[in-house]
Amino acid sequence: MVKTALFVRLEAKAGKEEEVANFLKGGLSVVEGEPATIAWFAIQMSSSTFGIFDAFPDDAGRQAHLTGPLAAALMAKASELLSKAPSIEKVDVLASKLPGSK
């Protein structure tokens, strides 16, 4: 059951939009190895605004993701790719519908 989530907003530097999109697409293979990451979405909201929404069964899973390899890679590339620091919001999931859930 999904109880916690993260919403991360990313603003690409001018000319770095494609690199941000490719970084996010590559993140899928990393989070596939995280058993507590139940759902993970890389999204694009405008030409330069991107985001990540991911969901977890509990706060321990969320914390494991925040200290995991994708978060570390994002922070290492942030100054190169982003116009400002990522906005990372911890959120609670009130209701969800996922494949295989009833």
N, C-alpha and C. Protein backbone atom coordinates (compact mmCIF):
# COMPACT_ATOMS: atom_id res chain seq x y z
N MET A 1 0.84 -1.18 0.00
CA MET A 1 0.00 0.00 0.00
C MET A 1 0.88 1.25 0.00
N VAL A 2 0.50 2.20 -0.77
CA VAL A 2 1.23 3.47 -0.88
C VAL A 2 0.76 4.43 0.20
N LYS A 3 1.72 4.95 0.97
CA LYS A 3 1.37 5.89 2.03
C LYS A 3 2.11 7.22 1.92
N THR A 4 3.33 7.19 1.36
CA THR A 4 4.13 8.41 1.26
C THR A 4 4.62 8.58 -0.16
N ALA A 5 5.04 9.81 -0.48
CA ALA A 5 5.50 10.10 -1.83
C ALA A 5 6.44 11.29 -1.81
N LEU A 6 7.02 11.53 -2.96
CA LEU A 6 7.84 12.72 -3.18
C LEU A 6 7.38 13.39 -4.47
N PHE A 7 7.35 14.72 -4.46
CA PHE A 7 7.17 15.47 -5.70
C PHE A 7 8.38 16.38 -5.82
N VAL A 8 9.13 16.19 -6.89
CA VAL A 8 10.37 16.95 -7.11
C VAL A 8 10.18 17.77 -8.37
N ARG A 9 10.37 19.08 -8.25
CA ARG A 9 10.24 20.00 -9.39
C ARG A 9 11.64 20.42 -9.81
N LEU A 10 11.90 20.35 -11.12
CA LEU A 10 13.21 20.66 -11.68
C LEU A 10 13.07 21.70 -12.78
N GLU A 11 13.86 22.75 -12.71
CA GLU A 11 13.88 23.79 -13.75
C GLU A 11 15.20 23.69 -14.49
N ALA A 12 15.14 23.33 -15.77
CA ALA A 12 16.35 23.17 -16.57
C ALA A 12 16.94 24.53 -16.93
N LYS A 13 18.27 24.58 -16.97
CA LYS A 13 18.95 25.76 -17.50
C LYS A 13 18.63 25.85 -18.99
N ALA A 14 18.66 27.06 -19.52
CA ALA A 14 18.44 27.26 -20.95
C ALA A 14 19.46 26.44 -21.73
N GLY A 15 18.98 25.68 -22.69
CA GLY A 15 19.84 24.84 -23.49
C GLY A 15 20.13 23.47 -22.90
N LYS A 16 19.67 23.21 -21.68
CA LYS A 16 19.93 21.93 -21.01
C LYS A 16 18.67 21.05 -20.91
N GLU A 17 17.60 21.47 -21.56
CA GLU A 17 16.33 20.76 -21.44
C GLU A 17 16.44 19.29 -21.89
N GLU A 18 17.07 19.07 -23.02
CA GLU A 18 17.19 17.69 -23.52
C GLU A 18 18.05 16.83 -22.59
N GLU A 19 19.09 17.43 -22.02
CA GLU A 19 19.93 16.68 -21.08
C GLU A 19 19.15 16.31 -19.81
N VAL A 20 18.31 17.22 -19.33
CA VAL A 20 17.50 16.91 -18.16
C VAL A 20 16.52 15.77 -18.50
N ALA A 21 15.88 15.86 -19.66
CA ALA A 21 14.94 14.81 -20.07
C ALA A 21 15.67 13.46 -20.16
N ASN A 22 16.84 13.45 -20.75
CA ASN A 22 17.59 12.19 -20.87
C ASN A 22 18.04 11.67 -19.52
N PHE A 23 18.43 12.56 -18.62
CA PHE A 23 18.81 12.15 -17.26
C PHE A 23 17.63 11.45 -16.58
N LEU A 24 16.45 12.07 -16.69
CA LEU A 24 15.27 11.49 -16.06
C LEU A 24 14.90 10.15 -16.68
N LYS A 25 14.96 10.05 -17.99
CA LYS A 25 14.66 8.77 -18.66
C LYS A 25 15.62 7.68 -18.17
N GLY A 26 16.89 8.02 -17.98
CA GLY A 26 17.87 7.07 -17.49
C GLY A 26 17.66 6.68 -16.05
N GLY A 27 16.95 7.52 -15.30
CA GLY A 27 16.68 7.23 -13.89
C GLY A 27 15.80 6.01 -13.68
N LEU A 28 15.01 5.66 -14.69
CA LEU A 28 14.12 4.52 -14.55
C LEU A 28 14.89 3.24 -14.22
N SER A 29 15.99 3.01 -14.89
CA SER A 29 16.76 1.78 -14.63
C SER A 29 17.32 1.75 -13.20
N VAL A 30 17.58 2.92 -12.64
CA VAL A 30 18.10 2.99 -11.27
C VAL A 30 16.99 2.64 -10.27
N VAL A 31 15.83 3.25 -10.41
CA VAL A 31 14.76 3.02 -9.43
C VAL A 31 14.14 1.64 -9.56
N GLU A 32 14.32 0.97 -10.70
CA GLU A 32 13.82 -0.40 -10.83
C GLU A 32 14.49 -1.32 -9.80
N GLY A 33 15.68 -0.95 -9.33
CA GLY A 33 16.39 -1.72 -8.32
C GLY A 33 16.04 -1.34 -6.89
N GLU A 34 15.07 -0.48 -6.71
CA GLU A 34 14.64 -0.04 -5.37
C GLU A 34 13.31 -0.71 -5.02
N PRO A 35 13.33 -1.74 -4.20
CA PRO A 35 12.09 -2.46 -3.91
C PRO A 35 11.01 -1.61 -3.23
N ALA A 36 11.39 -0.58 -2.50
CA ALA A 36 10.40 0.24 -1.80
C ALA A 36 9.85 1.37 -2.67
N THR A 37 10.38 1.54 -3.88
CA THR A 37 9.81 2.53 -4.79
C THR A 37 8.71 1.84 -5.57
N ILE A 38 7.48 2.03 -5.13
CA ILE A 38 6.33 1.33 -5.70
C ILE A 38 5.94 1.92 -7.05
N ALA A 39 5.99 3.23 -7.17
CA ALA A 39 5.66 3.91 -8.42
C ALA A 39 6.64 5.05 -8.61
N TRP A 40 7.03 5.27 -9.87
CA TRP A 40 7.99 6.33 -10.19
C TRP A 40 7.64 6.90 -11.54
N PHE A 41 7.51 8.21 -11.60
CA PHE A 41 7.17 8.90 -12.84
C PHE A 41 8.12 10.07 -13.05
N ALA A 42 8.71 10.14 -14.23
CA ALA A 42 9.47 11.31 -14.66
C ALA A 42 8.53 12.06 -15.60
N ILE A 43 8.33 13.35 -15.35
CA ILE A 43 7.34 14.11 -16.12
C ILE A 43 7.94 15.41 -16.65
N GLN A 44 7.32 15.93 -17.70
CA GLN A 44 7.70 17.23 -18.24
C GLN A 44 6.46 18.09 -18.26
N MET A 45 6.53 19.26 -17.60
CA MET A 45 5.37 20.13 -17.46
C MET A 45 5.40 21.30 -18.43
N SER A 46 6.57 21.68 -18.90
CA SER A 46 6.72 22.73 -19.91
C SER A 46 8.06 22.48 -20.59
N SER A 47 8.46 23.37 -21.46
CA SER A 47 9.71 23.15 -22.20
C SER A 47 10.92 23.07 -21.27
N SER A 48 10.85 23.73 -20.12
CA SER A 48 12.01 23.73 -19.21
C SER A 48 11.70 23.22 -17.80
N THR A 49 10.45 22.86 -17.54
CA THR A 49 10.06 22.41 -16.21
C THR A 49 9.78 20.91 -16.23
N PHE A 50 10.47 20.20 -15.37
CA PHE A 50 10.37 18.75 -15.28
C PHE A 50 10.02 18.38 -13.84
N GLY A 51 9.71 17.12 -13.64
CA GLY A 51 9.41 16.69 -12.30
C GLY A 51 9.56 15.19 -12.15
N ILE A 52 9.57 14.78 -10.90
CA ILE A 52 9.57 13.37 -10.54
C ILE A 52 8.49 13.21 -9.48
N PHE A 53 7.65 12.19 -9.68
CA PHE A 53 6.70 11.81 -8.64
C PHE A 53 6.94 10.35 -8.36
N ASP A 54 7.20 10.03 -7.11
CA ASP A 54 7.42 8.63 -6.74
C ASP A 54 6.72 8.34 -5.43
N ALA A 55 6.34 7.06 -5.28
CA ALA A 55 5.52 6.67 -4.13
C ALA A 55 6.13 5.46 -3.42
N PHE A 56 5.86 5.40 -2.12
CA PHE A 56 6.50 4.42 -1.24
C PHE A 56 5.49 3.89 -0.23
N PRO A 57 5.77 2.71 0.34
CA PRO A 57 4.85 2.15 1.34
C PRO A 57 4.92 2.85 2.69
N ASP A 58 6.05 3.50 2.96
CA ASP A 58 6.26 4.13 4.26
C ASP A 58 7.41 5.12 4.18
N ASP A 59 7.64 5.81 5.28
CA ASP A 59 8.70 6.82 5.29
C ASP A 59 10.09 6.20 5.16
N ALA A 60 10.27 4.98 5.64
CA ALA A 60 11.58 4.32 5.50
C ALA A 60 11.92 4.11 4.03
N GLY A 61 10.94 3.73 3.23
CA GLY A 61 11.17 3.57 1.79
C GLY A 61 11.49 4.89 1.12
N ARG A 62 10.78 5.93 1.54
CA ARG A 62 11.03 7.27 0.99
C ARG A 62 12.43 7.73 1.35
N GLN A 63 12.83 7.52 2.60
CA GLN A 63 14.18 7.93 3.03
C GLN A 63 15.26 7.14 2.29
N ALA A 64 15.00 5.85 2.07
CA ALA A 64 15.97 5.03 1.32
C ALA A 64 16.16 5.59 -0.08
N HIS A 65 15.09 6.04 -0.70
CA HIS A 65 15.18 6.62 -2.05
C HIS A 65 15.94 7.95 -2.01
N LEU A 66 15.64 8.76 -1.01
CA LEU A 66 16.30 10.07 -0.90
C LEU A 66 17.81 9.96 -0.66
N THR A 67 18.25 8.85 -0.11
CA THR A 67 19.68 8.66 0.14
C THR A 67 20.30 7.67 -0.86
N GLY A 68 19.52 7.32 -1.89
CA GLY A 68 19.96 6.33 -2.86
C GLY A 68 20.73 6.92 -4.03
N PRO A 69 21.07 6.07 -5.00
CA PRO A 69 21.93 6.48 -6.11
C PRO A 69 21.32 7.51 -7.05
N LEU A 70 20.00 7.47 -7.29
CA LEU A 70 19.42 8.46 -8.20
C LEU A 70 19.44 9.85 -7.58
N ALA A 71 19.10 9.94 -6.32
CA ALA A 71 19.14 11.24 -5.64
C ALA A 71 20.56 11.79 -5.62
N ALA A 72 21.54 10.94 -5.37
CA ALA A 72 22.94 11.38 -5.37
C ALA A 72 23.36 11.86 -6.75
N ALA A 73 22.95 11.14 -7.80
CA ALA A 73 23.30 11.54 -9.16
C ALA A 73 22.64 12.86 -9.53
N LEU A 74 21.39 13.04 -9.11
CA LEU A 74 20.69 14.29 -9.39
C LEU A 74 21.39 15.47 -8.71
N MET A 75 21.74 15.30 -7.46
CA MET A 75 22.40 16.40 -6.75
C MET A 75 23.78 16.69 -7.35
N ALA A 76 24.47 15.67 -7.83
CA ALA A 76 25.79 15.88 -8.44
C ALA A 76 25.68 16.65 -9.76
N LYS A 77 24.57 16.49 -10.49
CA LYS A 77 24.39 17.14 -11.79
C LYS A 77 23.58 18.43 -11.70
N ALA A 78 23.01 18.73 -10.54
CA ALA A 78 22.08 19.85 -10.41
C ALA A 78 22.68 21.17 -10.87
N SER A 79 23.87 21.51 -10.44
CA SER A 79 24.43 22.82 -10.80
C SER A 79 24.73 22.91 -12.29
N GLU A 80 24.98 21.79 -12.92
CA GLU A 80 25.27 21.77 -14.36
C GLU A 80 23.98 21.87 -15.19
N LEU A 81 22.92 21.21 -14.75
CA LEU A 81 21.71 21.09 -15.57
C LEU A 81 20.56 22.01 -15.17
N LEU A 82 20.50 22.41 -13.90
CA LEU A 82 19.33 23.11 -13.39
C LEU A 82 19.61 24.58 -13.11
N SER A 83 18.58 25.41 -13.32
CA SER A 83 18.72 26.85 -13.07
C SER A 83 18.60 27.19 -11.59
N LYS A 84 18.04 26.27 -10.81
CA LYS A 84 17.97 26.43 -9.35
C LYS A 84 17.90 25.05 -8.71
N ALA A 85 18.11 25.00 -7.43
CA ALA A 85 18.10 23.72 -6.71
C ALA A 85 16.74 23.03 -6.88
N PRO A 86 16.74 21.71 -6.94
CA PRO A 86 15.47 20.99 -7.04
C PRO A 86 14.58 21.31 -5.84
N SER A 87 13.29 21.42 -6.10
CA SER A 87 12.30 21.59 -5.03
C SER A 87 11.78 20.20 -4.69
N ILE A 88 12.10 19.72 -3.49
CA ILE A 88 11.73 18.36 -3.08
C ILE A 88 10.68 18.46 -1.99
N GLU A 89 9.47 17.97 -2.30
CA GLU A 89 8.37 18.01 -1.35
C GLU A 89 8.01 16.60 -0.90
N LYS A 90 8.01 16.38 0.40
CA LYS A 90 7.52 15.12 0.97
C LYS A 90 6.01 15.26 1.12
N VAL A 91 5.29 14.29 0.57
CA VAL A 91 3.83 14.34 0.64
C VAL A 91 3.28 13.01 1.14
N ASP A 92 2.08 13.08 1.68
CA ASP A 92 1.36 11.87 2.11
C ASP A 92 0.35 11.51 1.03
N VAL A 93 0.18 10.24 0.76
CA VAL A 93 -0.78 9.77 -0.23
C VAL A 93 -2.09 9.45 0.49
N LEU A 94 -3.16 10.09 0.07
CA LEU A 94 -4.46 9.87 0.69
C LEU A 94 -5.20 8.71 0.05
N ALA A 95 -5.01 8.51 -1.24
CA ALA A 95 -5.65 7.40 -1.95
C ALA A 95 -4.82 7.12 -3.21
N SER A 96 -4.88 5.87 -3.68
CA SER A 96 -4.12 5.52 -4.88
C SER A 96 -4.79 4.37 -5.60
N LYS A 97 -4.47 4.26 -6.88
CA LYS A 97 -4.89 3.11 -7.70
C LYS A 97 -3.69 2.72 -8.51
N LEU A 98 -3.20 1.51 -8.28
CA LEU A 98 -2.05 0.98 -8.97
C LEU A 98 -2.40 -0.36 -9.58
N PRO A 99 -1.71 -0.77 -10.63
CA PRO A 99 -1.97 -2.11 -11.18
C PRO A 99 -1.80 -3.17 -10.10
N GLY A 100 -2.71 -4.11 -10.07
CA GLY A 100 -2.63 -5.20 -9.10
C GLY A 100 -3.21 -4.87 -7.73
N SER A 101 -3.60 -3.61 -7.51
CA SER A 101 -4.18 -3.26 -6.20
C SER A 101 -5.70 -3.27 -6.31
N LYS A 102 -6.34 -3.53 -5.21
CA LYS A 102 -7.81 -3.56 -5.20
C LYS A 102 -8.34 -2.62 -4.16
